[in-house]
């Protein structure tokens, strides 16, 4: 019983310290965007030295701005590009492309919200027994919106194809496959944990 109590206290202390450190780091990142606007460049002192990033709105509170650091190897497709030995010209083209991507990300958000809303309509319609035709109409609308989102995503691949050379495209596809495999494994582990 004593060892169980000791283990519980140690676990609580460890979790408290972890949450406290996250809270401290958030305050540091928040301070880096004081007097700045969304999208402004920012820097903050991270665990491994100075990090640069961009001021972003908080998820819970849109009034709060914090410095979101640029991601390295974990940065999805764009993070992988660092491993492709891009030339200065390619970096310049990539920077221009990333700027145009910001606008597309803004376009995707209302589309994702629309899908969420339509799925909710289907659930409500299922419960309230709407007509099959009405349900099918909503389903078709979801498919149309999803197609628009996929088209916006596909434009990223087309742009990268035009920036990278053949060797880089091959390497990119290999890295992308590895990234997807890691994601599947992580998702599988999370699912296992939630089922326990």
Protein backbone atom coordinates (compact mmCIF):
# COMPACT_ATOMS: atom_id res chain seq x y z
CA UNK A 1 0.00 0.00 0.00
CA UNK A 2 2.85 2.35 0.91
CA UNK A 3 4.61 1.73 -2.43
CA UNK A 4 1.37 2.36 -4.31
CA UNK A 5 0.93 5.67 -2.50
CA UNK A 6 4.56 6.62 -3.25
CA UNK A 7 4.09 5.75 -6.93
CA UNK A 8 0.91 7.85 -7.09
CA UNK A 9 2.65 10.87 -5.48
CA UNK A 10 5.64 10.58 -7.87
CA UNK A 11 3.30 10.33 -10.88
CA UNK A 12 1.33 13.38 -9.72
CA UNK A 13 4.52 15.40 -9.21
CA UNK A 14 5.84 14.41 -12.63
CA UNK A 15 2.57 15.30 -14.38
CA UNK A 16 2.34 18.58 -12.50
CA UNK A 17 5.92 19.52 -13.53
CA UNK A 18 5.21 18.61 -17.16
CA UNK A 19 2.04 20.73 -17.25
CA UNK A 20 3.79 23.59 -15.43
CA UNK A 21 6.65 23.56 -17.98
CA UNK A 22 4.17 23.55 -20.88
CA UNK A 23 2.38 26.50 -19.29
CA UNK A 24 5.68 28.37 -18.86
CA UNK A 25 6.67 27.68 -22.48
CA UNK A 26 3.28 28.93 -23.69
CA UNK A 27 3.77 32.16 -21.74
CA UNK A 28 7.21 32.60 -23.37
CA UNK A 29 5.70 32.01 -26.81
CA UNK A 30 2.82 34.38 -25.99
CA UNK A 31 5.25 37.11 -24.88
CA UNK A 32 7.10 36.75 -28.21
CA UNK A 33 3.94 37.94 -30.02
CA UNK A 34 3.04 40.80 -27.68
CA UNK A 35 2.62 43.96 -29.77
CA UNK A 36 2.51 41.87 -32.99
CA UNK A 37 -0.18 40.75 -35.44
CA UNK A 38 -1.16 37.38 -36.90
CA UNK A 39 1.42 36.23 -39.45
CA UNK A 40 4.27 38.41 -38.09
CA UNK A 41 7.66 36.72 -37.65
CA UNK A 42 8.66 36.01 -34.04
CA UNK A 43 11.42 34.36 -31.99
CA UNK A 44 11.45 32.70 -28.57
CA UNK A 45 13.86 30.76 -26.39
CA UNK A 46 13.01 27.05 -26.70
CA UNK A 47 14.50 24.01 -24.95
CA UNK A 48 17.24 23.72 -27.57
CA UNK A 49 17.99 27.41 -28.11
CA UNK A 50 16.36 30.24 -30.00
CA UNK A 51 13.45 29.27 -32.26
CA UNK A 52 11.86 31.35 -34.97
CA UNK A 53 8.26 31.15 -36.04
CA UNK A 54 5.08 33.02 -36.87
CA UNK A 55 2.44 34.63 -34.66
CA UNK A 56 -0.76 32.55 -34.67
CA UNK A 57 -4.17 32.83 -33.00
CA UNK A 58 -4.86 30.55 -30.06
CA UNK A 59 -7.27 27.67 -30.72
CA UNK A 60 -9.38 28.30 -27.63
CA UNK A 61 -9.05 32.07 -27.49
CA UNK A 62 -8.66 33.89 -30.82
CA UNK A 63 -7.62 37.05 -28.93
CA UNK A 64 -4.43 35.36 -27.71
CA UNK A 65 -1.46 35.35 -30.10
CA UNK A 66 1.49 33.02 -29.61
CA UNK A 67 4.67 32.25 -31.51
CA UNK A 68 4.30 28.94 -33.33
CA UNK A 69 7.78 27.66 -34.14
CA UNK A 70 8.67 26.37 -37.59
CA UNK A 71 8.70 22.62 -37.54
CA UNK A 72 11.70 20.58 -38.58
CA UNK A 73 11.59 16.90 -39.43
CA UNK A 74 8.13 16.57 -37.89
CA UNK A 75 6.75 19.31 -40.12
CA UNK A 76 4.94 17.02 -42.52
CA UNK A 77 5.68 17.45 -46.21
CA UNK A 78 7.27 20.88 -45.85
CA UNK A 79 9.55 19.68 -43.03
CA UNK A 80 10.82 16.92 -45.32
CA UNK A 81 11.93 19.43 -47.92
CA UNK A 82 14.93 20.33 -45.74
CA UNK A 83 16.34 16.88 -46.55
CA UNK A 84 16.23 17.45 -50.32
CA UNK A 85 19.20 19.86 -50.70
CA UNK A 86 17.21 22.60 -52.39
CA UNK A 87 19.00 25.35 -54.32
CA UNK A 88 18.50 29.04 -53.45
CA UNK A 89 16.24 29.38 -56.49
CA UNK A 90 14.14 26.42 -55.36
CA UNK A 91 13.88 27.88 -51.86
CA UNK A 92 12.69 31.18 -53.34
CA UNK A 93 10.03 29.40 -55.42
CA UNK A 94 9.01 27.37 -52.38
CA UNK A 95 8.66 30.51 -50.27
CA UNK A 96 6.39 32.09 -52.92
CA UNK A 97 4.38 28.89 -53.08
CA UNK A 98 4.02 28.71 -49.28
CA UNK A 99 2.66 32.27 -49.26
CA UNK A 100 0.01 31.30 -51.81
CA UNK A 101 -0.73 28.16 -49.73
CA UNK A 102 -1.76 30.36 -46.78
CA UNK A 103 -4.67 31.68 -48.84
CA UNK A 104 -5.64 28.13 -49.82
CA UNK A 105 -5.56 27.02 -46.18
CA UNK A 106 -7.98 29.85 -45.46
CA UNK A 107 -10.17 28.54 -48.31
CA UNK A 108 -10.12 25.00 -46.87
CA UNK A 109 -11.32 25.96 -43.39
CA UNK A 110 -14.87 27.02 -44.39
CA UNK A 111 -15.09 23.93 -46.61
CA UNK A 112 -14.18 21.67 -43.66
CA UNK A 113 -16.72 23.52 -41.52
CA UNK A 114 -19.32 23.00 -44.26
CA UNK A 115 -18.68 19.23 -44.25
CA UNK A 116 -19.00 19.14 -40.46
CA UNK A 117 -22.31 21.01 -40.68
CA UNK A 118 -23.65 18.73 -43.45
CA UNK A 119 -22.68 15.61 -41.48
CA UNK A 120 -24.62 17.02 -38.56
CA UNK A 121 -27.62 17.56 -40.90
CA UNK A 122 -27.42 13.90 -41.97
CA UNK A 123 -27.39 12.75 -38.33
CA UNK A 124 -30.37 14.95 -37.48
CA UNK A 125 -32.15 13.85 -40.66
CA UNK A 126 -31.55 10.21 -39.84
CA UNK A 127 -33.09 10.68 -36.40
CA UNK A 128 -36.03 12.76 -37.64
CA UNK A 129 -36.56 10.40 -40.62
CA UNK A 130 -36.14 12.89 -43.50
CA UNK A 131 -36.79 11.61 -47.01
CA UNK A 132 -34.21 9.38 -48.71
CA UNK A 133 -33.94 11.94 -51.50
CA UNK A 134 -33.10 14.75 -49.06
CA UNK A 135 -30.51 12.55 -47.33
CA UNK A 136 -28.93 11.66 -50.69
CA UNK A 137 -28.82 15.35 -51.65
CA UNK A 138 -26.89 16.17 -48.47
CA UNK A 139 -24.53 13.25 -49.11
CA UNK A 140 -23.85 14.47 -52.66
CA UNK A 141 -23.14 17.96 -51.33
CA UNK A 142 -20.58 16.49 -48.89
CA UNK A 143 -18.91 14.66 -51.81
CA UNK A 144 -18.74 17.89 -53.84
CA UNK A 145 -17.17 19.83 -50.97
CA UNK A 146 -14.67 17.00 -50.31
CA UNK A 147 -13.69 17.08 -54.00
CA UNK A 148 -12.94 20.83 -53.71
CA UNK A 149 -10.72 20.16 -50.67
CA UNK A 150 -8.88 17.38 -52.52
CA UNK A 151 -8.34 19.69 -55.49
CA UNK A 152 -6.76 22.30 -53.21
CA UNK A 153 -4.50 19.60 -51.69
CA UNK A 154 -3.57 18.27 -55.12
CA UNK A 155 -2.42 21.73 -56.24
CA UNK A 156 0.35 21.40 -53.60
CA UNK A 157 1.66 18.26 -55.30
CA UNK A 158 1.59 19.90 -58.74
CA UNK A 159 3.51 22.92 -57.42
CA UNK A 160 6.15 20.73 -55.74
CA UNK A 161 6.54 18.69 -58.93
CA UNK A 162 7.41 21.91 -60.78
CA UNK A 163 9.90 23.07 -58.10
CA UNK A 164 11.82 19.81 -57.49
CA UNK A 165 14.09 17.95 -59.90
CA UNK A 166 13.63 14.22 -60.63
CA UNK A 167 16.07 13.04 -57.95
CA UNK A 168 14.42 15.28 -55.34
CA UNK A 169 10.93 14.11 -56.38
CA UNK A 170 12.01 10.48 -55.92
CA UNK A 171 13.48 11.23 -52.47
CA UNK A 172 10.39 13.25 -51.55
CA UNK A 173 8.08 10.31 -52.37
CA UNK A 174 10.24 7.95 -50.26
CA UNK A 175 10.18 10.34 -47.30
CA UNK A 176 6.44 10.89 -47.70
CA UNK A 177 5.81 7.13 -47.57
CA UNK A 178 7.87 6.87 -44.36
CA UNK A 179 5.95 9.79 -42.85
CA UNK A 180 2.62 8.13 -43.69
CA UNK A 181 3.78 4.83 -42.16
CA UNK A 182 4.81 6.60 -38.93
CA UNK A 183 1.44 8.35 -38.84
CA UNK A 184 -0.43 5.02 -39.27
CA UNK A 185 1.61 3.42 -36.47
CA UNK A 186 0.99 6.36 -34.13
CA UNK A 187 -2.72 6.31 -34.91
CA UNK A 188 -2.80 2.55 -34.30
CA UNK A 189 -1.06 2.96 -30.93
CA UNK A 190 -3.50 5.70 -29.91
CA UNK A 191 -6.41 3.47 -30.89
CA UNK A 192 -4.99 0.59 -28.83
CA UNK A 193 -4.57 2.86 -25.80
CA UNK A 194 -8.13 4.18 -26.07
CA UNK A 195 -9.50 0.62 -26.26
CA UNK A 196 -7.67 -0.43 -23.06
